Amino acid sequence: MIGIPVLLFVSGITLLSLAFFDNISYAFYLSRMFFPQEVAIAQTNLSDSSKAVEDPSTATQPSFPKYGDEYGMLSVAAANIISPVFVGDDETQLLYGAGQYYGSVFPGDIGNTVIAGHTNSVFKTLGDAQIGDSIRLELTYGTYVYEISNIEIKSGTDQSILAPSEEQILTLYTCYPFDYIGNTPDRYVVTAKLVEGNPLSEINF
C-alpha cells in the first residue's frame, strides 16, 4: 500500500520538473530574441550597402560554417518569422533558433537544405506561409532567396523529408499539429526552390 502513494508522488514530481524545464527553456529562447538576435542580424546581413569596404585586401574572408556555428538568419516575411540559423538540429541548437540537419547540403550547393525549428518557438507561425511566398537566408557567406513550391503534412517517421534532390531546394519542417500537447505524430513540411544566390563553387572560402 505504501508503494502506490510513493510512486504517484515521484511521478508527479517528474512531470512537474519536465514542465518547469520546458518553460525555462522557452523563456531563455524568448530573452535571446530581444538582444543577441539583433547583433546576429547586424553581423550576417551581407546586403547592407552602408558597409563600404575601402580596401579589398582588408575585407573579411567568408568562412565555411562548422557544426554548432550560428551562420545566418532565416526570415519568412509572410509568417513573421525571423530566426538565427545554426549548423546542427539537436536540442542545443533548437533551443536558440532554427537548426540545419547536418546531413543536408549547405545553401549554394545542389541538393536539399533541411532546417528544423520548434513549434512553440521559431516555427510556431510557419502555417501562415503559403505557396509562392519567399524565404530568405542571410548567411555569413551570402544571401539566398527561395520561393515556396510545396506544403504538406507528413508522418513523423517519414524520412523523405531528408531526401536528396537534383535541384537546389530548401526544406523547413516542424512538429504538427501546431497546438498539440505531447509528442506530435506528424511534421509540417514546407519546400522551396532557390531563386537567388551564388553557388558555393564561386565563393572563395
N, C-alpha and C. Protein backbone atom coordinates (compact mmCIF):
# COMPACT_ATOMS: atom_id res chain seq x y z
N MET A 1 0.83 -1.22 0.00
CA MET A 1 0.00 0.00 0.00
C MET A 1 0.86 1.27 0.00
N ILE A 2 2.02 1.18 0.64
CA ILE A 2 2.88 2.36 0.72
C ILE A 2 3.49 2.68 -0.65
N GLY A 3 3.73 1.63 -1.43
CA GLY A 3 4.39 1.82 -2.72
C GLY A 3 3.61 2.67 -3.69
N ILE A 4 2.28 2.55 -3.69
CA ILE A 4 1.46 3.29 -4.65
C ILE A 4 1.52 4.80 -4.42
N PRO A 5 1.33 5.29 -3.18
CA PRO A 5 1.46 6.75 -2.96
C PRO A 5 2.85 7.27 -3.30
N VAL A 6 3.88 6.49 -2.98
CA VAL A 6 5.25 6.91 -3.29
C VAL A 6 5.44 7.01 -4.80
N LEU A 7 4.91 6.03 -5.53
CA LEU A 7 5.02 6.03 -6.99
C LEU A 7 4.29 7.23 -7.58
N LEU A 8 3.10 7.54 -7.05
CA LEU A 8 2.34 8.70 -7.54
C LEU A 8 3.08 9.99 -7.24
N PHE A 9 3.68 10.08 -6.06
CA PHE A 9 4.42 11.28 -5.68
C PHE A 9 5.62 11.49 -6.60
N VAL A 10 6.39 10.43 -6.85
CA VAL A 10 7.56 10.53 -7.72
C VAL A 10 7.15 10.89 -9.13
N SER A 11 6.05 10.30 -9.63
CA SER A 11 5.58 10.61 -10.97
C SER A 11 5.18 12.07 -11.09
N GLY A 12 4.49 12.57 -10.05
CA GLY A 12 4.08 13.98 -10.06
C GLY A 12 5.26 14.92 -10.08
N ILE A 13 6.27 14.63 -9.28
CA ILE A 13 7.47 15.46 -9.24
C ILE A 13 8.18 15.43 -10.59
N THR A 14 8.23 14.25 -11.21
CA THR A 14 8.89 14.12 -12.51
C THR A 14 8.18 14.96 -13.56
N LEU A 15 6.85 14.88 -13.62
CA LEU A 15 6.07 15.65 -14.60
C LEU A 15 6.22 17.14 -14.39
N LEU A 16 6.20 17.57 -13.12
CA LEU A 16 6.37 19.00 -12.83
C LEU A 16 7.75 19.47 -13.23
N SER A 17 8.77 18.64 -13.02
CA SER A 17 10.14 19.01 -13.39
C SER A 17 10.28 19.18 -14.89
N LEU A 18 9.67 18.26 -15.65
CA LEU A 18 9.74 18.35 -17.10
C LEU A 18 9.05 19.60 -17.60
N ALA A 19 7.88 19.90 -17.05
CA ALA A 19 7.15 21.10 -17.46
C ALA A 19 7.93 22.36 -17.11
N PHE A 20 8.55 22.36 -15.91
CA PHE A 20 9.33 23.52 -15.48
C PHE A 20 10.52 23.74 -16.40
N PHE A 21 11.21 22.65 -16.75
CA PHE A 21 12.37 22.78 -17.63
C PHE A 21 11.97 23.31 -19.00
N ASP A 22 10.84 22.82 -19.52
CA ASP A 22 10.38 23.28 -20.83
C ASP A 22 10.06 24.76 -20.81
N ASN A 23 9.42 25.22 -19.74
CA ASN A 23 9.08 26.65 -19.64
C ASN A 23 10.33 27.51 -19.50
N ILE A 24 11.30 27.03 -18.73
CA ILE A 24 12.54 27.78 -18.56
C ILE A 24 13.28 27.86 -19.89
N SER A 25 13.32 26.76 -20.64
CA SER A 25 14.00 26.75 -21.93
C SER A 25 13.36 27.73 -22.89
N TYR A 26 12.03 27.74 -22.91
CA TYR A 26 11.32 28.64 -23.81
C TYR A 26 11.52 30.09 -23.40
N ALA A 27 11.53 30.36 -22.08
CA ALA A 27 11.76 31.72 -21.61
C ALA A 27 13.17 32.18 -21.98
N PHE A 28 14.13 31.27 -21.90
CA PHE A 28 15.50 31.61 -22.28
C PHE A 28 15.57 31.95 -23.76
N TYR A 29 14.85 31.16 -24.57
CA TYR A 29 14.81 31.45 -26.01
C TYR A 29 14.21 32.83 -26.26
N LEU A 30 13.10 33.16 -25.57
CA LEU A 30 12.45 34.45 -25.78
C LEU A 30 13.37 35.60 -25.39
N SER A 31 14.10 35.44 -24.28
CA SER A 31 15.00 36.51 -23.86
C SER A 31 16.08 36.74 -24.90
N ARG A 32 16.51 35.68 -25.55
CA ARG A 32 17.54 35.82 -26.58
C ARG A 32 17.03 36.57 -27.80
N MET A 33 15.73 36.46 -28.05
CA MET A 33 15.15 37.14 -29.20
C MET A 33 15.31 38.65 -29.12
N PHE A 34 15.31 39.19 -27.89
CA PHE A 34 15.30 40.63 -27.74
C PHE A 34 16.70 41.25 -27.73
N PHE A 35 17.74 40.44 -27.60
CA PHE A 35 19.07 41.02 -27.51
C PHE A 35 20.07 40.45 -28.52
N PRO A 36 20.60 39.22 -28.34
CA PRO A 36 21.63 38.75 -29.26
C PRO A 36 21.16 38.63 -30.70
N GLN A 37 19.87 38.42 -30.94
CA GLN A 37 19.40 38.28 -32.31
C GLN A 37 19.67 39.54 -33.10
N GLU A 38 19.53 40.72 -32.48
CA GLU A 38 19.77 41.98 -33.18
C GLU A 38 21.24 42.06 -33.61
N VAL A 39 22.12 41.57 -32.71
CA VAL A 39 23.54 41.57 -33.04
C VAL A 39 23.80 40.61 -34.20
N ALA A 40 23.15 39.44 -34.15
CA ALA A 40 23.35 38.45 -35.21
C ALA A 40 22.89 38.97 -36.56
N ILE A 41 21.78 39.71 -36.59
CA ILE A 41 21.29 40.28 -37.83
C ILE A 41 22.33 41.25 -38.40
N ALA A 42 22.90 42.07 -37.52
CA ALA A 42 23.90 43.05 -37.97
C ALA A 42 25.14 42.36 -38.50
N GLN A 43 25.50 41.21 -37.90
CA GLN A 43 26.71 40.52 -38.31
C GLN A 43 26.52 39.79 -39.63
N THR A 44 25.31 39.29 -39.90
CA THR A 44 25.12 38.41 -41.04
C THR A 44 24.40 39.06 -42.21
N ASN A 45 23.94 40.30 -42.06
CA ASN A 45 23.23 40.96 -43.16
C ASN A 45 24.25 41.48 -44.17
N LEU A 46 24.62 40.63 -45.09
CA LEU A 46 25.66 40.98 -46.06
C LEU A 46 25.17 41.93 -47.13
N SER A 47 23.84 42.19 -47.16
CA SER A 47 23.30 43.08 -48.19
C SER A 47 23.28 44.53 -47.75
N ASP A 48 23.82 44.82 -46.54
CA ASP A 48 23.82 46.18 -46.01
C ASP A 48 24.80 47.03 -46.83
N SER A 49 24.28 47.89 -47.68
CA SER A 49 25.12 48.68 -48.57
C SER A 49 25.87 49.78 -47.85
N SER A 50 25.51 50.06 -46.61
CA SER A 50 26.17 51.13 -45.88
C SER A 50 27.57 50.72 -45.42
N LYS A 51 27.87 49.41 -45.48
CA LYS A 51 29.17 48.93 -45.05
C LYS A 51 30.11 48.91 -46.25
N ALA A 52 30.67 50.04 -46.56
CA ALA A 52 31.56 50.14 -47.72
C ALA A 52 32.94 49.64 -47.33
N VAL A 53 33.56 48.86 -48.21
CA VAL A 53 34.90 48.35 -47.98
C VAL A 53 35.89 49.23 -48.73
N GLU A 54 36.71 49.95 -48.00
CA GLU A 54 37.64 50.88 -48.62
C GLU A 54 38.80 50.15 -49.28
N ASP A 55 39.28 49.11 -48.63
CA ASP A 55 40.43 48.39 -49.13
C ASP A 55 40.06 46.91 -49.25
N PRO A 56 39.96 46.35 -50.48
CA PRO A 56 39.57 44.95 -50.64
C PRO A 56 40.47 43.99 -49.89
N SER A 57 41.71 44.36 -49.69
CA SER A 57 42.64 43.46 -49.01
C SER A 57 42.31 43.29 -47.54
N THR A 58 41.50 44.22 -46.98
CA THR A 58 41.14 44.14 -45.56
C THR A 58 39.76 43.54 -45.36
N ALA A 59 39.10 43.17 -46.45
CA ALA A 59 37.74 42.62 -46.33
C ALA A 59 37.78 41.28 -45.59
N THR A 60 36.71 41.01 -44.82
CA THR A 60 36.61 39.77 -44.06
C THR A 60 36.42 38.59 -45.00
N GLN A 61 37.25 37.59 -44.85
CA GLN A 61 37.16 36.40 -45.69
C GLN A 61 35.99 35.53 -45.22
N PRO A 62 35.09 35.14 -46.14
CA PRO A 62 33.99 34.25 -45.74
C PRO A 62 34.55 32.94 -45.20
N SER A 63 33.93 32.42 -44.17
CA SER A 63 34.37 31.15 -43.60
C SER A 63 33.24 30.13 -43.70
N PHE A 64 33.61 28.90 -44.00
CA PHE A 64 32.61 27.86 -44.12
C PHE A 64 32.15 27.45 -42.73
N PRO A 65 30.84 27.39 -42.49
CA PRO A 65 30.33 27.09 -41.14
C PRO A 65 30.65 25.68 -40.69
N LYS A 66 30.87 25.55 -39.38
CA LYS A 66 31.15 24.26 -38.76
C LYS A 66 29.99 23.87 -37.85
N TYR A 67 29.97 22.61 -37.46
CA TYR A 67 28.89 22.12 -36.59
C TYR A 67 28.79 22.97 -35.33
N GLY A 68 27.58 23.40 -35.03
CA GLY A 68 27.33 24.21 -33.85
C GLY A 68 27.38 25.70 -34.10
N ASP A 69 27.90 26.12 -35.26
CA ASP A 69 28.03 27.55 -35.56
C ASP A 69 26.67 28.18 -35.84
N GLU A 70 26.50 29.41 -35.42
CA GLU A 70 25.39 30.24 -35.89
C GLU A 70 25.90 30.92 -37.15
N TYR A 71 25.28 30.63 -38.28
CA TYR A 71 25.87 31.11 -39.53
C TYR A 71 24.92 31.95 -40.37
N GLY A 72 23.87 32.46 -39.78
CA GLY A 72 23.00 33.34 -40.54
C GLY A 72 21.64 33.54 -39.90
N MET A 73 20.77 34.21 -40.67
CA MET A 73 19.40 34.48 -40.22
C MET A 73 18.42 33.97 -41.27
N LEU A 74 17.35 33.36 -40.77
CA LEU A 74 16.27 32.88 -41.62
C LEU A 74 15.07 33.80 -41.43
N SER A 75 14.46 34.22 -42.54
CA SER A 75 13.26 35.06 -42.43
C SER A 75 12.21 34.59 -43.43
N VAL A 76 10.98 34.53 -42.93
CA VAL A 76 9.81 34.23 -43.76
C VAL A 76 8.82 35.35 -43.47
N ALA A 77 8.84 36.38 -44.30
CA ALA A 77 8.07 37.59 -44.03
C ALA A 77 6.57 37.29 -43.90
N ALA A 78 6.06 36.42 -44.74
CA ALA A 78 4.63 36.12 -44.74
C ALA A 78 4.16 35.48 -43.44
N ALA A 79 5.08 34.83 -42.73
CA ALA A 79 4.75 34.17 -41.47
C ALA A 79 5.34 34.89 -40.26
N ASN A 80 5.92 36.07 -40.51
CA ASN A 80 6.52 36.86 -39.44
C ASN A 80 7.58 36.06 -38.67
N ILE A 81 8.41 35.35 -39.41
CA ILE A 81 9.47 34.53 -38.81
C ILE A 81 10.83 35.17 -39.07
N ILE A 82 11.58 35.39 -38.00
CA ILE A 82 12.98 35.81 -38.08
C ILE A 82 13.72 34.99 -37.03
N SER A 83 14.70 34.22 -37.46
CA SER A 83 15.38 33.33 -36.52
C SER A 83 16.85 33.13 -36.89
N PRO A 84 17.72 33.03 -35.90
CA PRO A 84 19.10 32.62 -36.18
C PRO A 84 19.10 31.19 -36.71
N VAL A 85 20.08 30.86 -37.53
CA VAL A 85 20.21 29.51 -38.06
C VAL A 85 21.54 28.93 -37.60
N PHE A 86 21.49 27.71 -37.09
CA PHE A 86 22.68 27.02 -36.60
C PHE A 86 22.95 25.78 -37.42
N VAL A 87 24.19 25.35 -37.43
CA VAL A 87 24.55 24.08 -38.06
C VAL A 87 24.32 22.98 -37.03
N GLY A 88 23.39 22.09 -37.33
CA GLY A 88 23.00 21.05 -36.39
C GLY A 88 21.59 21.28 -35.90
N ASP A 89 20.89 20.20 -35.62
CA ASP A 89 19.48 20.33 -35.21
C ASP A 89 19.17 19.53 -33.95
N ASP A 90 20.16 19.43 -33.04
CA ASP A 90 19.84 18.79 -31.77
C ASP A 90 19.28 19.84 -30.81
N GLU A 91 18.97 19.44 -29.59
CA GLU A 91 18.30 20.34 -28.66
C GLU A 91 19.12 21.58 -28.33
N THR A 92 20.45 21.45 -28.39
CA THR A 92 21.30 22.61 -28.10
C THR A 92 21.05 23.73 -29.09
N GLN A 93 21.03 23.39 -30.39
CA GLN A 93 20.80 24.40 -31.42
C GLN A 93 19.35 24.88 -31.43
N LEU A 94 18.41 23.94 -31.31
CA LEU A 94 17.00 24.30 -31.42
C LEU A 94 16.51 25.13 -30.23
N LEU A 95 17.25 25.13 -29.15
CA LEU A 95 16.90 26.00 -28.03
C LEU A 95 17.10 27.47 -28.40
N TYR A 96 18.07 27.74 -29.27
CA TYR A 96 18.42 29.11 -29.64
C TYR A 96 17.75 29.59 -30.93
N GLY A 97 17.30 28.68 -31.77
CA GLY A 97 16.71 29.10 -33.04
C GLY A 97 16.44 27.92 -33.94
N ALA A 98 16.59 28.11 -35.25
CA ALA A 98 16.41 27.04 -36.22
C ALA A 98 17.73 26.31 -36.43
N GLY A 99 17.64 25.01 -36.73
CA GLY A 99 18.85 24.22 -36.90
C GLY A 99 18.87 23.46 -38.21
N GLN A 100 19.99 23.51 -38.91
CA GLN A 100 20.12 22.77 -40.16
C GLN A 100 20.58 21.34 -39.88
N TYR A 101 19.84 20.40 -40.43
CA TYR A 101 20.22 19.00 -40.33
C TYR A 101 21.62 18.83 -40.93
N TYR A 102 22.53 18.26 -40.14
CA TYR A 102 23.93 18.23 -40.54
C TYR A 102 24.19 17.34 -41.75
N GLY A 103 23.27 16.44 -42.04
CA GLY A 103 23.44 15.58 -43.18
C GLY A 103 22.94 16.18 -44.48
N SER A 104 22.46 17.41 -44.43
CA SER A 104 21.95 18.08 -45.64
C SER A 104 22.97 19.06 -46.19
N VAL A 105 22.77 19.47 -47.45
CA VAL A 105 23.73 20.36 -48.10
C VAL A 105 23.54 21.79 -47.61
N PHE A 106 24.59 22.58 -47.72
CA PHE A 106 24.50 23.99 -47.37
C PHE A 106 23.92 24.78 -48.55
N PRO A 107 23.20 25.86 -48.28
CA PRO A 107 22.69 26.70 -49.36
C PRO A 107 23.80 27.10 -50.32
N GLY A 108 23.51 27.00 -51.61
CA GLY A 108 24.52 27.26 -52.62
C GLY A 108 25.02 25.99 -53.27
N ASP A 109 24.72 24.85 -52.64
CA ASP A 109 25.11 23.56 -53.21
C ASP A 109 23.86 22.87 -53.76
N ILE A 110 24.06 21.98 -54.72
CA ILE A 110 22.92 21.26 -55.30
C ILE A 110 22.45 20.19 -54.31
N GLY A 111 21.15 20.21 -54.03
CA GLY A 111 20.60 19.24 -53.10
C GLY A 111 19.56 19.87 -52.19
N ASN A 112 19.29 19.19 -51.08
CA ASN A 112 18.22 19.56 -50.16
C ASN A 112 18.81 20.11 -48.86
N THR A 113 18.58 21.39 -48.60
CA THR A 113 18.97 22.01 -47.33
C THR A 113 17.80 21.87 -46.37
N VAL A 114 17.99 21.15 -45.28
CA VAL A 114 16.89 20.83 -44.36
C VAL A 114 17.07 21.59 -43.05
N ILE A 115 16.08 22.40 -42.68
CA ILE A 115 16.15 23.21 -41.47
C ILE A 115 14.91 22.94 -40.61
N ALA A 116 15.13 22.67 -39.34
CA ALA A 116 14.06 22.36 -38.40
C ALA A 116 13.93 23.47 -37.36
N GLY A 117 12.75 23.56 -36.76
CA GLY A 117 12.51 24.51 -35.69
C GLY A 117 11.36 24.04 -34.83
N HIS A 118 11.35 24.45 -33.58
CA HIS A 118 10.28 24.04 -32.67
C HIS A 118 8.97 24.75 -32.99
N THR A 119 7.87 24.03 -32.77
CA THR A 119 6.54 24.59 -33.00
C THR A 119 6.21 25.68 -31.98
N ASN A 120 6.73 25.55 -30.77
CA ASN A 120 6.38 26.52 -29.73
C ASN A 120 7.33 27.71 -29.70
N SER A 121 8.19 27.82 -30.75
CA SER A 121 9.10 28.97 -30.78
C SER A 121 9.24 29.50 -32.19
N VAL A 122 10.35 29.20 -32.87
CA VAL A 122 10.65 29.87 -34.14
C VAL A 122 9.67 29.56 -35.25
N PHE A 123 9.11 28.35 -35.28
CA PHE A 123 8.22 27.96 -36.38
C PHE A 123 6.75 27.86 -35.96
N LYS A 124 6.39 28.56 -34.90
CA LYS A 124 5.00 28.49 -34.43
C LYS A 124 4.01 29.10 -35.42
N THR A 125 4.48 29.99 -36.31
CA THR A 125 3.60 30.61 -37.31
C THR A 125 3.91 30.13 -38.72
N LEU A 126 4.67 29.04 -38.85
CA LEU A 126 5.05 28.56 -40.18
C LEU A 126 3.82 28.26 -41.03
N GLY A 127 2.72 27.90 -40.39
CA GLY A 127 1.49 27.60 -41.11
C GLY A 127 0.90 28.80 -41.84
N ASP A 128 1.36 30.00 -41.52
CA ASP A 128 0.85 31.21 -42.20
C ASP A 128 1.47 31.39 -43.58
N ALA A 129 2.59 30.75 -43.84
CA ALA A 129 3.26 30.87 -45.14
C ALA A 129 2.48 30.09 -46.19
N GLN A 130 2.46 30.61 -47.40
CA GLN A 130 1.71 29.99 -48.49
C GLN A 130 2.63 29.74 -49.69
N ILE A 131 2.18 28.88 -50.60
CA ILE A 131 2.93 28.63 -51.83
C ILE A 131 3.09 29.94 -52.59
N GLY A 132 4.30 30.21 -53.04
CA GLY A 132 4.63 31.45 -53.73
C GLY A 132 5.31 32.48 -52.83
N ASP A 133 5.22 32.30 -51.51
CA ASP A 133 5.89 33.22 -50.59
C ASP A 133 7.40 32.98 -50.61
N SER A 134 8.14 33.99 -50.17
CA SER A 134 9.61 33.92 -50.18
C SER A 134 10.17 33.53 -48.82
N ILE A 135 11.28 32.83 -48.86
CA ILE A 135 12.08 32.51 -47.69
C ILE A 135 13.48 33.05 -47.95
N ARG A 136 14.02 33.78 -47.00
CA ARG A 136 15.31 34.43 -47.18
C ARG A 136 16.31 33.93 -46.14
N LEU A 137 17.50 33.59 -46.61
CA LEU A 137 18.59 33.21 -45.73
C LEU A 137 19.74 34.19 -45.91
N GLU A 138 20.03 34.96 -44.86
CA GLU A 138 21.17 35.88 -44.86
C GLU A 138 22.30 35.17 -44.12
N LEU A 139 23.24 34.63 -44.87
CA LEU A 139 24.29 33.80 -44.29
C LEU A 139 25.63 34.53 -44.23
N THR A 140 26.56 33.95 -43.52
CA THR A 140 27.88 34.57 -43.38
C THR A 140 28.63 34.61 -44.70
N TYR A 141 28.18 33.84 -45.69
CA TYR A 141 28.88 33.82 -46.97
C TYR A 141 28.01 34.24 -48.14
N GLY A 142 26.80 34.73 -47.87
CA GLY A 142 25.95 35.19 -48.96
C GLY A 142 24.48 35.16 -48.63
N THR A 143 23.67 35.66 -49.54
CA THR A 143 22.22 35.72 -49.37
C THR A 143 21.55 34.77 -50.35
N TYR A 144 20.58 33.99 -49.84
CA TYR A 144 19.86 33.02 -50.66
C TYR A 144 18.36 33.22 -50.47
N VAL A 145 17.67 33.33 -51.60
CA VAL A 145 16.22 33.56 -51.57
C VAL A 145 15.53 32.37 -52.24
N TYR A 146 14.51 31.87 -51.59
CA TYR A 146 13.76 30.72 -52.09
C TYR A 146 12.28 31.09 -52.24
N GLU A 147 11.59 30.37 -53.11
CA GLU A 147 10.15 30.54 -53.27
C GLU A 147 9.46 29.24 -52.90
N ILE A 148 8.48 29.32 -52.00
CA ILE A 148 7.78 28.12 -51.54
C ILE A 148 7.02 27.47 -52.69
N SER A 149 7.29 26.19 -52.90
CA SER A 149 6.68 25.46 -54.00
C SER A 149 5.74 24.34 -53.55
N ASN A 150 5.85 23.95 -52.28
CA ASN A 150 5.01 22.85 -51.80
C ASN A 150 4.87 22.89 -50.29
N ILE A 151 3.68 22.56 -49.80
CA ILE A 151 3.43 22.47 -48.37
C ILE A 151 2.64 21.20 -48.12
N GLU A 152 3.11 20.37 -47.19
CA GLU A 152 2.38 19.13 -46.91
C GLU A 152 2.63 18.67 -45.48
N ILE A 153 1.79 17.75 -45.05
CA ILE A 153 1.90 17.16 -43.72
C ILE A 153 2.35 15.71 -43.90
N LYS A 154 3.44 15.36 -43.21
CA LYS A 154 3.98 14.02 -43.33
C LYS A 154 4.07 13.37 -41.95
N SER A 155 4.14 12.06 -41.96
CA SER A 155 4.31 11.32 -40.72
C SER A 155 5.64 11.67 -40.08
N GLY A 156 5.68 11.65 -38.77
CA GLY A 156 6.91 11.94 -38.06
C GLY A 156 8.03 10.96 -38.34
N THR A 157 7.69 9.80 -38.90
CA THR A 157 8.70 8.80 -39.23
C THR A 157 9.06 8.80 -40.72
N ASP A 158 8.51 9.74 -41.48
CA ASP A 158 8.73 9.80 -42.92
C ASP A 158 10.11 10.39 -43.21
N GLN A 159 11.02 9.57 -43.69
CA GLN A 159 12.39 10.01 -43.95
C GLN A 159 12.53 10.77 -45.26
N SER A 160 11.44 10.87 -46.04
CA SER A 160 11.53 11.60 -47.31
C SER A 160 11.78 13.09 -47.09
N ILE A 161 11.54 13.58 -45.87
CA ILE A 161 11.84 14.97 -45.54
C ILE A 161 13.32 15.26 -45.78
N LEU A 162 14.16 14.25 -45.55
CA LEU A 162 15.60 14.41 -45.67
C LEU A 162 16.14 13.96 -47.02
N ALA A 163 15.25 13.60 -47.94
CA ALA A 163 15.68 13.03 -49.22
C ALA A 163 16.51 14.01 -50.02
N PRO A 164 17.55 13.54 -50.69
CA PRO A 164 18.37 14.41 -51.54
C PRO A 164 17.58 14.89 -52.74
N SER A 165 18.11 15.90 -53.43
CA SER A 165 17.44 16.46 -54.59
C SER A 165 18.47 16.80 -55.66
N GLU A 166 18.04 16.79 -56.90
CA GLU A 166 18.92 17.20 -58.00
C GLU A 166 18.83 18.69 -58.26
N GLU A 167 17.94 19.37 -57.49
CA GLU A 167 17.82 20.82 -57.58
C GLU A 167 18.31 21.44 -56.27
N GLN A 168 18.42 22.76 -56.26
CA GLN A 168 18.76 23.47 -55.03
C GLN A 168 17.45 23.84 -54.33
N ILE A 169 17.10 23.07 -53.31
CA ILE A 169 15.85 23.30 -52.59
C ILE A 169 16.11 23.49 -51.10
N LEU A 170 15.13 24.07 -50.46
CA LEU A 170 15.16 24.29 -49.01
C LEU A 170 13.92 23.64 -48.41
N THR A 171 14.12 22.87 -47.36
CA THR A 171 13.01 22.24 -46.65
C THR A 171 12.97 22.74 -45.22
N LEU A 172 11.85 23.34 -44.82
CA LEU A 172 11.62 23.73 -43.43
C LEU A 172 10.59 22.77 -42.86
N TYR A 173 10.83 22.30 -41.64
CA TYR A 173 9.80 21.44 -41.05
C TYR A 173 9.74 21.63 -39.54
N THR A 174 8.55 21.33 -39.02
CA THR A 174 8.32 21.44 -37.59
C THR A 174 7.26 20.42 -37.19
N CYS A 175 7.03 20.29 -35.90
CA CYS A 175 6.04 19.34 -35.42
C CYS A 175 4.62 19.77 -35.80
N TYR A 176 3.74 18.80 -35.94
CA TYR A 176 2.35 19.07 -36.31
C TYR A 176 1.45 18.03 -35.65
N PRO A 177 0.27 18.41 -35.16
CA PRO A 177 -0.38 19.73 -35.21
C PRO A 177 0.34 20.77 -34.35
N PHE A 178 0.16 22.04 -34.71
CA PHE A 178 0.86 23.12 -34.04
C PHE A 178 0.46 23.25 -32.58
N ASP A 179 -0.80 22.99 -32.25
CA ASP A 179 -1.27 23.18 -30.88
C ASP A 179 -1.36 21.87 -30.11
N TYR A 180 -0.67 20.86 -30.60
CA TYR A 180 -0.72 19.54 -29.97
C TYR A 180 0.12 19.53 -28.69
N ILE A 181 -0.39 18.88 -27.65
CA ILE A 181 0.35 18.76 -26.39
C ILE A 181 0.92 17.35 -26.30
N GLY A 182 2.23 17.26 -26.18
CA GLY A 182 2.87 15.95 -26.12
C GLY A 182 3.68 15.69 -27.38
N ASN A 183 4.03 14.42 -27.58
CA ASN A 183 4.82 14.05 -28.76
C ASN A 183 3.93 14.06 -30.00
N THR A 184 4.20 14.97 -30.91
CA THR A 184 3.36 15.12 -32.09
C THR A 184 3.58 13.97 -33.08
N PRO A 185 2.52 13.51 -33.72
CA PRO A 185 2.65 12.36 -34.62
C PRO A 185 3.14 12.72 -36.02
N ASP A 186 3.00 13.99 -36.41
CA ASP A 186 3.27 14.37 -37.79
C ASP A 186 4.25 15.53 -37.87
N ARG A 187 4.62 15.88 -39.12
CA ARG A 187 5.51 17.00 -39.37
C ARG A 187 4.89 17.90 -40.45
N TYR A 188 5.01 19.21 -40.22
CA TYR A 188 4.55 20.20 -41.19
C TYR A 188 5.76 20.58 -42.03
N VAL A 189 5.68 20.31 -43.34
CA VAL A 189 6.85 20.41 -44.20
C VAL A 189 6.63 21.45 -45.30
N VAL A 190 7.54 22.42 -45.37
CA VAL A 190 7.50 23.47 -46.39
C VAL A 190 8.72 23.31 -47.28
N THR A 191 8.49 23.17 -48.57
CA THR A 191 9.58 23.02 -49.54
C THR A 191 9.64 24.24 -50.44
N ALA A 192 10.85 24.74 -50.69
CA ALA A 192 11.03 25.94 -51.52
C ALA A 192 12.18 25.74 -52.48
N LYS A 193 12.09 26.38 -53.65
CA LYS A 193 13.13 26.30 -54.67
C LYS A 193 13.95 27.58 -54.69
N LEU A 194 15.24 27.43 -54.92
CA LEU A 194 16.14 28.58 -54.96
C LEU A 194 15.83 29.48 -56.15
N VAL A 195 15.75 30.78 -55.90
CA VAL A 195 15.55 31.75 -56.98
C VAL A 195 16.68 32.77 -57.04
N GLU A 196 17.50 32.84 -55.99
CA GLU A 196 18.59 33.81 -55.96
C GLU A 196 19.68 33.35 -55.01
N GLY A 197 20.94 33.44 -55.44
CA GLY A 197 22.05 33.07 -54.57
C GLY A 197 23.20 32.48 -55.36
N ASN A 198 24.42 32.76 -54.93
CA ASN A 198 25.61 32.29 -55.63
C ASN A 198 25.95 30.84 -55.27
N PRO A 199 26.39 30.08 -56.27
CA PRO A 199 26.84 28.69 -55.98
C PRO A 199 28.04 28.70 -55.05
N LEU A 200 28.13 27.67 -54.21
CA LEU A 200 29.27 27.57 -53.30
C LEU A 200 30.58 27.53 -54.06
N SER A 201 30.56 26.96 -55.26
CA SER A 201 31.79 26.83 -56.04
C SER A 201 32.36 28.18 -56.45
N GLU A 202 31.55 29.24 -56.38
CA GLU A 202 32.01 30.57 -56.76
C GLU A 202 32.44 31.41 -55.58
N ILE A 203 32.34 30.84 -54.37
CA ILE A 203 32.68 31.58 -53.16
C ILE A 203 34.08 31.20 -52.71
N ASN A 204 34.91 32.19 -52.46
CA ASN A 204 36.30 31.96 -52.07
C ASN A 204 36.39 31.86 -50.55
N PHE A 205 36.32 30.66 -50.04
CA PHE A 205 36.42 30.45 -48.59
C PHE A 205 37.87 30.46 -48.16
